[in-house]
């Protein structure tokens, strides 16, 4: 699946290069490898943005939703906390 996506992206990039150089002749001064470098830089910036901002946000939202809506693990943690509180009450000292 990933290789198909990469191939489709590369073919789309080459098509876009051919169409854009016909439409805007001043882009014809940029060779195809320069066009690929520009797109590679753009994709790298997008991947960095996704890694730094989008992924942590999605993970935080997922954690919040799983904690709010009857997550079995959270229910088990609440039960353990309640048992710990009962044990603390039985201990001498505090």
Protein backbone atom coordinates (compact mmCIF):
# COMPACT_ATOMS: atom_id res chain seq x y z
CA UNK A 1 0.00 0.00 0.00
CA UNK A 2 2.82 2.39 0.86
CA UNK A 3 4.64 1.76 -2.40
CA UNK A 4 1.48 2.43 -4.37
CA UNK A 5 1.08 5.74 -2.53
CA UNK A 6 4.68 6.71 -3.25
CA UNK A 7 4.37 5.77 -6.92
CA UNK A 8 1.13 7.69 -7.25
CA UNK A 9 2.69 10.74 -5.60
CA UNK A 10 5.70 10.63 -7.90
CA UNK A 11 3.55 10.22 -11.01
CA UNK A 12 1.29 13.04 -9.88
CA UNK A 13 4.32 15.23 -9.22
CA UNK A 14 5.70 14.57 -12.73
CA UNK A 15 2.29 15.27 -14.29
CA UNK A 16 1.97 18.47 -12.31
CA UNK A 17 5.44 19.51 -13.46
CA UNK A 18 4.58 18.88 -17.12
CA UNK A 19 1.24 20.70 -16.90
CA UNK A 20 2.59 23.65 -14.90
CA UNK A 21 5.51 24.22 -17.27
CA UNK A 22 3.07 24.40 -20.19
CA UNK A 23 0.77 26.78 -18.37
CA UNK A 24 3.47 28.96 -16.78
CA UNK A 25 6.56 28.88 -19.01
CA UNK A 26 8.78 30.57 -16.41
CA UNK A 27 8.61 27.35 -14.38
CA UNK A 28 10.34 25.58 -17.25
CA UNK A 29 13.68 26.96 -16.03
CA UNK A 30 13.44 24.65 -13.01
CA UNK A 31 14.59 21.14 -13.98
CA UNK A 32 12.59 18.11 -12.89
CA UNK A 33 15.15 17.25 -10.19
CA UNK A 34 14.83 20.79 -8.82
CA UNK A 35 11.07 20.42 -8.82
CA UNK A 36 11.48 17.10 -6.96
CA UNK A 37 13.78 18.76 -4.41
CA UNK A 38 11.27 21.52 -3.79
CA UNK A 39 8.50 18.96 -3.30
CA UNK A 40 10.75 16.84 -1.07
CA UNK A 41 11.43 19.88 1.09
CA UNK A 42 7.71 20.69 1.21
CA UNK A 43 6.79 17.11 2.18
CA UNK A 44 9.50 17.12 4.85
CA UNK A 45 8.04 20.29 6.36
CA UNK A 46 4.57 18.75 6.33
CA UNK A 47 5.84 15.55 8.00
CA UNK A 48 7.61 17.58 10.70
CA UNK A 49 4.42 19.56 11.33
CA UNK A 50 2.36 16.38 11.58
CA UNK A 51 4.92 14.76 13.90
CA UNK A 52 5.21 17.79 16.18
CA UNK A 53 1.61 19.01 16.36
CA UNK A 54 -1.00 16.68 14.86
CA UNK A 55 0.13 13.32 16.27
CA UNK A 56 0.44 14.50 19.91
CA UNK A 57 -2.96 16.16 19.63
CA UNK A 58 -4.57 13.00 18.29
CA UNK A 59 -2.96 10.90 21.03
CA UNK A 60 -4.04 13.34 23.75
CA UNK A 61 -7.61 13.40 22.42
CA UNK A 62 -7.70 9.61 22.22
CA UNK A 63 -6.44 9.30 25.80
CA UNK A 64 -9.03 11.81 27.02
CA UNK A 65 -11.85 10.03 25.25
CA UNK A 66 -10.79 6.62 26.53
CA UNK A 67 -10.60 7.96 30.08
CA UNK A 68 -14.03 9.60 29.88
CA UNK A 69 -16.13 6.86 28.34
CA UNK A 70 -16.14 3.72 30.49
CA UNK A 71 -12.70 2.43 29.73
CA UNK A 72 -12.20 -0.93 31.49
CA UNK A 73 -8.62 -0.04 32.40
CA UNK A 74 -9.70 3.25 33.98
CA UNK A 75 -12.44 1.45 35.90
CA UNK A 76 -9.84 -0.99 37.20
CA UNK A 77 -7.58 1.93 38.22
CA UNK A 78 -10.45 3.57 40.10
CA UNK A 79 -11.15 0.32 41.92
CA UNK A 80 -7.47 -0.04 42.86
CA UNK A 81 -7.38 3.58 44.10
CA UNK A 82 -10.45 2.94 46.23
CA UNK A 83 -8.87 -0.18 47.72
CA UNK A 84 -5.66 1.73 48.44
CA UNK A 85 -7.62 4.42 50.26
CA UNK A 86 -9.29 1.73 52.40
CA UNK A 87 -5.89 0.21 53.18
CA UNK A 88 -4.50 3.65 54.14
CA UNK A 89 -7.42 4.16 56.54
CA UNK A 90 -6.66 0.84 58.26
CA UNK A 91 -2.94 1.59 58.68
CA UNK A 92 -1.86 3.10 62.00
CA UNK A 93 -0.18 6.48 61.95
CA UNK A 94 -1.54 9.28 59.84
